[in-house]
Amino acid sequence: MALKTIKKRTPGGKTVIHRKKKMTSKHKCAICHDLLHGTPRGPRVEIRRLSKTQRRPSRPFGGQLCSKCSRKIISFKARVNSKLIEPSAVPISLRKYVNNANKFANFIRKTKEEGK
């Protein structure tokens, strides 16, 4: 367990060392660096105890991209598939995610079929 040491001054004038559990950093979007919603924060030990579905949102790119950026990726992928734009027209920073969107298209298709 990771502990962070903090020096505290007591009213008597002594300096005492307190040990505090380290928190995991706030999760950020890989593209726009906004904070991700739906991801818990706390000591690593507590996060690992959670189930996989509680650790991150169960949507395409959940836990990696914010909903705004993932929407953008999916729309670019749809435009490329329908040949409205060429793959080279996709911004360079988004190409990696647009190429990986194939596996998430299958995920969306499966969830729609299960809902019927």
Protein backbone atom coordinates (compact mmCIF):
# COMPACT_ATOMS: atom_id res chain seq x y z
CA MET A 1 0.00 0.00 0.00
CA ALA A 2 1.43 3.36 -1.02
CA LEU A 3 1.63 5.91 1.75
CA LYS A 4 2.38 9.60 1.39
CA THR A 5 4.39 11.18 4.23
CA ILE A 6 3.29 14.59 5.44
CA LYS A 7 5.06 16.69 8.06
CA LYS A 8 2.63 18.30 10.51
CA ARG A 9 3.36 20.86 13.20
CA THR A 10 1.67 20.20 16.53
CA PRO A 11 0.46 22.95 18.89
CA GLY A 12 3.36 22.01 21.21
CA GLY A 13 5.84 23.03 18.50
CA LYS A 14 6.99 19.54 17.53
CA THR A 15 7.07 18.36 13.92
CA VAL A 16 5.40 14.97 13.50
CA ILE A 17 5.22 12.74 10.43
CA HIS A 18 1.73 11.63 9.39
CA ARG A 19 1.24 8.94 6.78
CA LYS A 20 -1.70 9.24 4.42
CA LYS A 21 -2.98 6.87 1.72
CA LYS A 22 -2.14 8.03 -1.81
CA MET A 23 -5.07 8.74 -4.10
CA THR A 24 -5.10 7.80 -7.77
CA SER A 25 -4.98 10.79 -10.09
CA LYS A 26 -8.12 12.05 -11.79
CA HIS A 27 -8.66 10.22 -15.06
CA LYS A 28 -8.41 12.39 -18.16
CA CYS A 29 -9.53 12.10 -21.78
CA ALA A 30 -6.71 11.02 -24.10
CA ILE A 31 -7.60 13.64 -26.72
CA CYS A 32 -8.90 16.80 -25.02
CA HIS A 33 -7.55 16.14 -21.47
CA ASP A 34 -10.91 16.89 -19.81
CA LEU A 35 -11.81 14.97 -16.66
CA LEU A 36 -13.60 11.68 -17.30
CA HIS A 37 -16.95 11.13 -15.64
CA GLY A 38 -17.98 7.76 -14.25
CA THR A 39 -14.49 6.74 -13.13
CA PRO A 40 -13.93 6.33 -9.36
CA ARG A 41 -11.11 7.92 -7.46
CA GLY A 42 -9.35 6.59 -4.36
CA PRO A 43 -6.42 4.47 -3.21
CA ARG A 44 -5.32 1.85 -5.77
CA VAL A 45 -6.25 -0.99 -3.44
CA GLU A 46 -9.87 0.17 -3.22
CA ILE A 47 -10.12 0.70 -6.99
CA ARG A 48 -8.83 -2.83 -7.67
CA ARG A 49 -11.50 -4.28 -5.37
CA LEU A 50 -14.25 -2.84 -7.58
CA SER A 51 -15.63 -4.89 -10.44
CA LYS A 52 -14.57 -4.00 -13.98
CA THR A 53 -17.94 -2.41 -14.76
CA GLN A 54 -17.66 -0.16 -11.72
CA ARG A 55 -14.17 1.02 -12.68
CA ARG A 56 -15.12 2.54 -16.02
CA PRO A 57 -18.22 3.30 -18.15
CA SER A 58 -19.39 0.38 -20.30
CA ARG A 59 -19.61 2.28 -23.58
CA PRO A 60 -17.23 2.43 -26.56
CA PHE A 61 -13.94 4.09 -25.51
CA GLY A 62 -15.21 4.19 -21.90
CA GLY A 63 -12.39 5.07 -19.50
CA GLN A 64 -10.21 6.40 -22.35
CA LEU A 65 -12.17 9.21 -24.00
CA CYS A 66 -14.83 11.62 -22.79
CA SER A 67 -18.30 11.27 -24.31
CA LYS A 68 -17.80 14.33 -26.54
CA CYS A 69 -14.61 12.95 -28.12
CA SER A 70 -15.98 9.41 -28.48
CA ARG A 71 -19.05 10.85 -30.28
CA LYS A 72 -16.69 12.71 -32.60
CA ILE A 73 -14.70 9.51 -33.32
CA ILE A 74 -17.85 7.50 -34.07
CA SER A 75 -19.16 10.18 -36.44
CA PHE A 76 -15.81 10.32 -38.29
CA LYS A 77 -15.85 6.52 -38.59
CA ALA A 78 -19.39 6.61 -40.01
CA ARG A 79 -18.36 9.25 -42.58
CA VAL A 80 -15.32 7.19 -43.63
CA ASN A 81 -17.43 4.02 -43.93
CA SER A 82 -20.08 5.77 -46.05
CA LYS A 83 -17.27 7.30 -48.17
CA LEU A 84 -18.32 10.90 -47.52
CA ILE A 85 -14.72 11.67 -46.57
CA GLU A 86 -11.41 9.90 -47.16
CA PRO A 87 -9.47 8.42 -44.25
CA SER A 88 -6.72 10.96 -44.91
CA ALA A 89 -9.22 13.77 -44.18
CA VAL A 90 -9.54 12.65 -40.55
CA PRO A 91 -7.34 14.77 -38.22
CA ILE A 92 -4.07 13.04 -37.36
CA SER A 93 -4.76 13.10 -33.62
CA LEU A 94 -7.99 11.14 -34.15
CA ARG A 95 -6.84 8.59 -36.79
CA LYS A 96 -5.65 6.03 -34.25
CA TYR A 97 -9.10 5.94 -32.62
CA VAL A 98 -11.01 5.97 -35.93
CA ASN A 99 -9.03 2.91 -37.07
CA ASN A 100 -9.80 1.13 -33.78
CA ALA A 101 -13.51 1.98 -33.98
CA ASN A 102 -14.24 -1.25 -35.91
CA LYS A 103 -14.27 -3.39 -32.77
CA PHE A 104 -16.55 -0.88 -31.07
CA ALA A 105 -18.95 -0.93 -34.03
CA ASN A 106 -19.41 -4.65 -33.35
CA PHE A 107 -20.00 -3.86 -29.67
CA ILE A 108 -22.76 -1.38 -30.55
CA ARG A 109 -24.36 -3.84 -32.97
CA LYS A 110 -24.42 -6.58 -30.31
CA THR A 111 -25.98 -4.34 -27.66
CA LYS A 112 -28.73 -3.26 -30.09
CA GLU A 113 -29.51 -6.89 -30.92
CA GLU A 114 -29.71 -7.81 -27.23
CA GLY A 115 -32.10 -4.91 -26.59
CA LYS A 116 -34.60 -6.16 -29.20
